[in-house]
């Protein structure tokens, strides 16, 4: 067990995945990219001060930003827009953003406006 002077520690993960996705139609040759950025703040909490499982990380923050996925659809799946298909979900109403801009704070999950991406 850690000493009472143990103050804990934390780390932040900020990562971007780019998914190449294709329609379910086996005859289609179309491909579209969906960009997912996630920010995760973790903390190792002092078990001498708090009721926690020693050695386990605590999640303090989990935010995500999806680019080229249908607006207002939060079902755990990606819904990419393909040029050959009609748009799904609500139309974009927010600003144009660069999905690869890691200097931008992505804020709270699901509360941001749905905008247009400047590139995929």
N, C-alpha and C. Protein backbone atom coordinates (compact mmCIF):
# COMPACT_ATOMS: atom_id res chain seq x y z
N UNK A 1 0.84 -1.18 0.00
CA UNK A 1 0.00 0.00 0.00
C UNK A 1 0.89 1.25 0.00
N UNK A 2 0.42 2.30 -0.67
CA UNK A 2 1.19 3.53 -0.76
C UNK A 2 1.22 4.26 0.58
N UNK A 3 2.22 5.08 0.74
CA UNK A 3 2.31 5.88 1.96
C UNK A 3 1.25 6.96 1.95
N UNK A 4 0.86 7.50 3.13
CA UNK A 4 -0.15 8.56 3.20
C UNK A 4 0.26 9.82 2.44
N UNK A 5 1.56 9.98 2.14
CA UNK A 5 1.99 11.17 1.41
C UNK A 5 1.79 11.02 -0.10
N UNK A 6 1.39 9.82 -0.56
CA UNK A 6 1.13 9.60 -1.99
C UNK A 6 0.01 10.51 -2.45
N UNK A 7 0.26 11.29 -3.48
CA UNK A 7 -0.72 12.26 -3.96
C UNK A 7 -1.46 11.78 -5.20
N UNK A 8 -1.10 10.64 -5.75
CA UNK A 8 -1.74 10.17 -6.97
C UNK A 8 -1.06 10.79 -8.18
N UNK A 9 -1.61 10.57 -9.33
CA UNK A 9 -1.06 11.11 -10.55
C UNK A 9 -2.08 10.99 -11.66
N UNK A 10 -1.79 11.63 -12.78
CA UNK A 10 -2.74 11.59 -13.88
C UNK A 10 -2.03 11.63 -15.22
N UNK A 11 -2.80 11.35 -16.24
CA UNK A 11 -2.28 11.46 -17.60
C UNK A 11 -3.44 11.77 -18.53
N UNK A 12 -3.10 12.29 -19.70
CA UNK A 12 -4.10 12.59 -20.72
C UNK A 12 -3.73 11.90 -22.01
N UNK A 13 -4.70 11.29 -22.65
CA UNK A 13 -4.52 10.69 -23.96
C UNK A 13 -5.37 11.50 -24.94
N UNK A 14 -4.77 11.94 -26.02
CA UNK A 14 -5.46 12.69 -27.07
C UNK A 14 -5.06 12.03 -28.37
N UNK A 15 -5.98 11.28 -28.98
CA UNK A 15 -5.62 10.52 -30.17
C UNK A 15 -6.69 10.63 -31.24
N UNK A 16 -6.25 10.44 -32.48
CA UNK A 16 -7.12 10.54 -33.64
C UNK A 16 -7.04 9.26 -34.45
N UNK A 17 -8.20 8.69 -34.78
CA UNK A 17 -8.28 7.54 -35.67
C UNK A 17 -8.92 7.99 -36.97
N UNK A 18 -8.41 7.49 -38.08
CA UNK A 18 -9.02 7.74 -39.38
C UNK A 18 -9.46 6.40 -39.93
N UNK A 19 -10.77 6.26 -40.11
CA UNK A 19 -11.35 5.01 -40.59
C UNK A 19 -11.72 5.14 -42.06
N UNK A 20 -11.22 4.23 -42.89
CA UNK A 20 -11.66 4.14 -44.28
C UNK A 20 -12.86 3.21 -44.31
N UNK A 21 -14.00 3.74 -44.75
CA UNK A 21 -15.25 2.98 -44.72
C UNK A 21 -15.85 2.89 -46.12
N UNK A 22 -16.51 1.78 -46.38
CA UNK A 22 -17.15 1.56 -47.68
C UNK A 22 -18.61 1.20 -47.45
N UNK A 23 -19.47 1.48 -48.44
CA UNK A 23 -20.88 1.07 -48.32
C UNK A 23 -21.01 -0.44 -48.23
N UNK A 24 -22.14 -0.90 -47.70
CA UNK A 24 -22.37 -2.34 -47.56
C UNK A 24 -22.56 -3.03 -48.91
N UNK A 25 -22.82 -2.27 -49.96
CA UNK A 25 -23.01 -2.83 -51.31
C UNK A 25 -21.70 -3.44 -51.81
N UNK A 26 -21.65 -4.75 -52.06
CA UNK A 26 -20.41 -5.40 -52.48
C UNK A 26 -19.91 -4.94 -53.86
N UNK A 27 -20.80 -4.34 -54.67
CA UNK A 27 -20.40 -3.87 -56.00
C UNK A 27 -19.86 -2.45 -55.98
N UNK A 28 -19.96 -1.76 -54.86
CA UNK A 28 -19.50 -0.38 -54.76
C UNK A 28 -17.98 -0.32 -54.62
N UNK A 29 -17.38 0.66 -55.27
CA UNK A 29 -15.94 0.89 -55.14
C UNK A 29 -15.68 2.18 -54.36
N UNK A 30 -16.75 2.81 -53.88
CA UNK A 30 -16.64 4.08 -53.16
C UNK A 30 -16.08 3.87 -51.75
N UNK A 31 -15.22 4.80 -51.34
CA UNK A 31 -14.64 4.78 -50.00
C UNK A 31 -14.74 6.18 -49.43
N UNK A 32 -15.04 6.28 -48.15
CA UNK A 32 -15.10 7.56 -47.46
C UNK A 32 -14.34 7.43 -46.15
N UNK A 33 -13.82 8.55 -45.66
CA UNK A 33 -13.11 8.51 -44.38
C UNK A 33 -13.93 9.18 -43.30
N UNK A 34 -13.90 8.60 -42.12
CA UNK A 34 -14.49 9.19 -40.93
C UNK A 34 -13.36 9.37 -39.91
N UNK A 35 -13.27 10.56 -39.35
CA UNK A 35 -12.20 10.89 -38.41
C UNK A 35 -12.79 10.95 -37.01
N UNK A 36 -12.17 10.24 -36.07
CA UNK A 36 -12.63 10.21 -34.69
C UNK A 36 -11.47 10.64 -33.79
N UNK A 37 -11.67 11.74 -33.08
CA UNK A 37 -10.67 12.20 -32.10
C UNK A 37 -11.25 12.00 -30.71
N UNK A 38 -10.43 11.43 -29.83
CA UNK A 38 -10.87 11.20 -28.46
C UNK A 38 -9.85 11.80 -27.48
N UNK A 39 -10.36 12.39 -26.40
CA UNK A 39 -9.53 12.91 -25.32
C UNK A 39 -9.96 12.18 -24.05
N UNK A 40 -8.98 11.63 -23.36
CA UNK A 40 -9.24 10.84 -22.17
C UNK A 40 -8.31 11.32 -21.06
N UNK A 41 -8.87 11.78 -19.94
CA UNK A 41 -8.08 12.17 -18.77
C UNK A 41 -8.23 11.08 -17.72
N UNK A 42 -7.10 10.56 -17.27
CA UNK A 42 -7.07 9.47 -16.29
C UNK A 42 -6.34 9.92 -15.04
N UNK A 43 -6.69 9.33 -13.91
CA UNK A 43 -6.04 9.67 -12.65
C UNK A 43 -5.83 8.39 -11.83
N UNK A 44 -4.68 8.29 -11.21
CA UNK A 44 -4.40 7.22 -10.26
C UNK A 44 -4.66 7.82 -8.88
N UNK A 45 -5.75 7.40 -8.24
CA UNK A 45 -6.21 8.00 -6.99
C UNK A 45 -5.58 7.29 -5.80
N UNK A 46 -5.27 8.03 -4.76
CA UNK A 46 -4.66 7.51 -3.55
C UNK A 46 -5.69 6.69 -2.76
N UNK A 47 -5.51 5.37 -2.65
CA UNK A 47 -6.48 4.54 -1.92
C UNK A 47 -6.46 4.77 -0.41
N UNK A 48 -5.42 5.44 0.11
CA UNK A 48 -5.40 5.76 1.53
C UNK A 48 -6.36 6.91 1.85
N UNK A 49 -6.72 7.71 0.84
CA UNK A 49 -7.61 8.84 1.05
C UNK A 49 -9.02 8.61 0.50
N UNK A 50 -9.14 7.74 -0.51
CA UNK A 50 -10.43 7.53 -1.17
C UNK A 50 -10.72 6.04 -1.28
N UNK A 51 -11.99 5.72 -1.35
CA UNK A 51 -12.39 4.32 -1.49
C UNK A 51 -12.32 3.95 -2.97
N UNK A 52 -11.19 3.40 -3.37
CA UNK A 52 -10.94 3.00 -4.75
C UNK A 52 -10.20 1.67 -4.75
N UNK A 53 -10.14 1.05 -5.90
CA UNK A 53 -9.36 -0.18 -6.06
C UNK A 53 -7.91 0.21 -6.31
N UNK A 54 -6.99 -0.19 -5.44
CA UNK A 54 -5.58 0.18 -5.63
C UNK A 54 -5.05 -0.27 -6.99
N UNK A 55 -4.31 0.61 -7.63
CA UNK A 55 -3.70 0.29 -8.92
C UNK A 55 -4.60 0.49 -10.13
N UNK A 56 -5.85 0.87 -9.91
CA UNK A 56 -6.79 1.09 -11.02
C UNK A 56 -6.86 2.58 -11.35
N UNK A 57 -6.95 2.88 -12.63
CA UNK A 57 -7.10 4.25 -13.07
C UNK A 57 -8.55 4.69 -12.99
N UNK A 58 -8.77 5.94 -12.70
CA UNK A 58 -10.10 6.54 -12.66
C UNK A 58 -10.24 7.45 -13.88
N UNK A 59 -11.35 7.35 -14.60
CA UNK A 59 -11.59 8.19 -15.76
C UNK A 59 -12.23 9.49 -15.29
N UNK A 60 -11.54 10.61 -15.51
CA UNK A 60 -12.07 11.92 -15.13
C UNK A 60 -12.79 12.61 -16.28
N UNK A 61 -12.36 12.33 -17.52
CA UNK A 61 -12.95 12.99 -18.68
C UNK A 61 -12.83 12.07 -19.88
N UNK A 62 -13.91 12.01 -20.66
CA UNK A 62 -13.90 11.28 -21.92
C UNK A 62 -14.72 12.09 -22.91
N UNK A 63 -14.06 12.67 -23.90
CA UNK A 63 -14.73 13.45 -24.93
C UNK A 63 -14.34 12.91 -26.29
N UNK A 64 -15.22 13.10 -27.26
CA UNK A 64 -14.91 12.68 -28.62
C UNK A 64 -15.47 13.68 -29.61
N UNK A 65 -14.87 13.69 -30.78
CA UNK A 65 -15.29 14.55 -31.87
C UNK A 65 -15.30 13.67 -33.12
N UNK A 66 -16.46 13.60 -33.79
CA UNK A 66 -16.60 12.78 -34.98
C UNK A 66 -16.68 13.68 -36.20
N UNK A 67 -15.95 13.35 -37.25
CA UNK A 67 -16.00 14.11 -38.50
C UNK A 67 -16.42 13.16 -39.61
N UNK A 68 -17.31 13.62 -40.45
CA UNK A 68 -17.92 12.85 -41.53
C UNK A 68 -18.73 11.68 -40.97
N UNK A 69 -19.59 12.00 -40.01
CA UNK A 69 -20.56 11.04 -39.49
C UNK A 69 -21.86 11.83 -39.30
N UNK A 70 -22.99 11.17 -39.46
CA UNK A 70 -24.29 11.84 -39.42
C UNK A 70 -24.47 12.64 -38.12
N UNK A 71 -25.06 13.82 -38.25
CA UNK A 71 -25.34 14.68 -37.10
C UNK A 71 -26.49 14.11 -36.27
N UNK A 72 -26.45 14.29 -34.99
CA UNK A 72 -27.53 13.93 -34.06
C UNK A 72 -27.86 12.44 -34.06
N UNK A 73 -26.88 11.59 -34.38
CA UNK A 73 -27.07 10.14 -34.28
C UNK A 73 -26.02 9.64 -33.29
N UNK A 74 -26.47 9.25 -32.11
CA UNK A 74 -25.55 8.84 -31.04
C UNK A 74 -25.87 7.40 -30.62
N UNK A 75 -25.66 6.45 -31.53
CA UNK A 75 -25.98 5.07 -31.24
C UNK A 75 -24.75 4.18 -31.09
N UNK A 76 -23.56 4.79 -31.05
CA UNK A 76 -22.33 4.02 -30.89
C UNK A 76 -21.72 3.55 -32.20
N UNK A 77 -22.36 3.86 -33.32
CA UNK A 77 -21.85 3.47 -34.63
C UNK A 77 -21.47 4.72 -35.42
N UNK A 78 -20.58 4.55 -36.39
CA UNK A 78 -20.24 5.63 -37.31
C UNK A 78 -21.21 5.61 -38.47
N UNK A 79 -21.64 6.78 -38.91
CA UNK A 79 -22.58 6.91 -40.03
C UNK A 79 -21.96 7.85 -41.06
N UNK A 80 -21.02 7.34 -41.87
CA UNK A 80 -20.31 8.20 -42.81
C UNK A 80 -21.22 8.67 -43.96
N UNK A 81 -20.87 9.81 -44.51
CA UNK A 81 -21.58 10.33 -45.68
C UNK A 81 -20.80 9.91 -46.92
N UNK A 82 -21.49 9.25 -47.83
CA UNK A 82 -20.91 8.87 -49.12
C UNK A 82 -21.47 9.79 -50.19
N UNK A 83 -20.65 10.15 -51.17
CA UNK A 83 -21.08 11.05 -52.24
C UNK A 83 -22.27 10.47 -53.01
N UNK A 84 -22.37 9.15 -53.09
CA UNK A 84 -23.43 8.51 -53.87
C UNK A 84 -24.74 8.40 -53.10
N UNK A 85 -24.77 8.75 -51.82
CA UNK A 85 -25.97 8.57 -51.00
C UNK A 85 -26.54 9.92 -50.57
N UNK A 86 -27.83 9.93 -50.29
CA UNK A 86 -28.46 11.13 -49.75
C UNK A 86 -28.00 11.32 -48.31
N UNK A 87 -27.86 12.58 -47.86
CA UNK A 87 -27.43 12.82 -46.47
C UNK A 87 -28.42 12.23 -45.47
N UNK A 88 -27.90 11.77 -44.33
CA UNK A 88 -28.74 11.27 -43.24
C UNK A 88 -28.53 12.15 -42.02
N UNK A 89 -29.47 12.15 -41.11
CA UNK A 89 -29.34 12.95 -39.90
C UNK A 89 -29.64 14.41 -40.17
N UNK A 90 -29.46 15.22 -39.16
CA UNK A 90 -29.70 16.66 -39.27
C UNK A 90 -28.64 17.31 -40.15
N UNK A 91 -28.99 18.37 -40.86
CA UNK A 91 -27.99 19.04 -41.67
C UNK A 91 -26.98 19.79 -40.78
N UNK A 92 -25.74 19.97 -41.25
CA UNK A 92 -24.74 20.69 -40.47
C UNK A 92 -25.21 22.12 -40.17
N UNK A 93 -25.03 22.56 -38.93
CA UNK A 93 -25.44 23.91 -38.54
C UNK A 93 -24.30 24.68 -37.88
N UNK A 94 -23.20 24.01 -37.60
CA UNK A 94 -22.08 24.65 -36.92
C UNK A 94 -21.01 25.13 -37.89
N UNK A 95 -19.90 25.58 -37.34
CA UNK A 95 -18.82 26.13 -38.17
C UNK A 95 -18.03 25.03 -38.88
N UNK A 96 -17.27 25.43 -39.90
CA UNK A 96 -16.36 24.53 -40.59
C UNK A 96 -15.12 24.36 -39.72
N UNK A 97 -14.72 23.10 -39.49
CA UNK A 97 -13.55 22.84 -38.65
C UNK A 97 -12.61 21.86 -39.34
N UNK A 98 -11.37 21.89 -38.92
CA UNK A 98 -10.35 20.95 -39.40
C UNK A 98 -10.31 19.79 -38.41
N UNK A 99 -10.70 18.59 -38.81
CA UNK A 99 -10.75 17.47 -37.86
C UNK A 99 -9.37 17.02 -37.37
N UNK A 100 -8.31 17.49 -38.03
CA UNK A 100 -6.95 17.12 -37.62
C UNK A 100 -6.30 18.17 -36.72
N UNK A 101 -7.01 19.24 -36.39
CA UNK A 101 -6.48 20.32 -35.55
C UNK A 101 -6.50 19.89 -34.09
N UNK A 102 -5.34 19.50 -33.59
CA UNK A 102 -5.26 19.01 -32.20
C UNK A 102 -5.11 20.14 -31.19
N UNK A 103 -4.98 21.38 -31.65
CA UNK A 103 -4.90 22.50 -30.71
C UNK A 103 -6.28 22.93 -30.24
N UNK A 104 -7.32 22.44 -30.89
CA UNK A 104 -8.70 22.81 -30.56
C UNK A 104 -9.22 21.91 -29.45
N UNK A 105 -9.80 22.54 -28.40
CA UNK A 105 -10.43 21.77 -27.32
C UNK A 105 -11.75 21.23 -27.85
N UNK A 106 -11.98 19.93 -27.71
CA UNK A 106 -13.20 19.37 -28.28
C UNK A 106 -14.40 19.46 -27.34
N UNK A 107 -14.21 19.98 -26.15
CA UNK A 107 -15.35 20.24 -25.26
C UNK A 107 -16.04 19.00 -24.76
N UNK A 108 -17.30 19.15 -24.45
CA UNK A 108 -18.09 18.05 -23.88
C UNK A 108 -18.69 17.21 -25.00
N UNK A 109 -18.67 15.91 -24.84
CA UNK A 109 -19.20 14.98 -25.83
C UNK A 109 -20.68 15.20 -26.06
N UNK A 110 -21.08 15.24 -27.33
CA UNK A 110 -22.49 15.31 -27.68
C UNK A 110 -23.13 16.66 -27.50
N UNK A 111 -22.38 17.69 -27.07
CA UNK A 111 -22.98 18.99 -26.85
C UNK A 111 -22.56 20.01 -27.90
N UNK A 112 -21.61 19.68 -28.73
CA UNK A 112 -21.13 20.63 -29.73
C UNK A 112 -22.08 20.68 -30.91
N UNK A 113 -21.99 21.78 -31.66
CA UNK A 113 -22.79 21.88 -32.87
C UNK A 113 -22.23 20.95 -33.93
N UNK A 114 -23.08 20.52 -34.81
CA UNK A 114 -22.65 19.65 -35.89
C UNK A 114 -22.28 20.54 -37.07
N UNK A 115 -21.01 20.57 -37.40
CA UNK A 115 -20.54 21.44 -38.46
C UNK A 115 -20.07 20.68 -39.68
N UNK A 116 -19.33 21.37 -40.52
CA UNK A 116 -18.77 20.82 -41.74
C UNK A 116 -17.27 20.70 -41.56
N UNK A 117 -16.68 19.64 -42.11
CA UNK A 117 -15.23 19.49 -42.02
C UNK A 117 -14.57 20.14 -43.22
N UNK A 118 -13.38 20.70 -42.99
CA UNK A 118 -12.64 21.35 -44.07
C UNK A 118 -11.88 20.35 -44.92
N UNK A 119 -11.64 19.17 -44.36
CA UNK A 119 -10.95 18.11 -45.11
C UNK A 119 -11.19 16.79 -44.40
N UNK A 120 -11.06 15.69 -45.18
CA UNK A 120 -11.14 14.36 -44.59
C UNK A 120 -9.88 13.63 -44.97
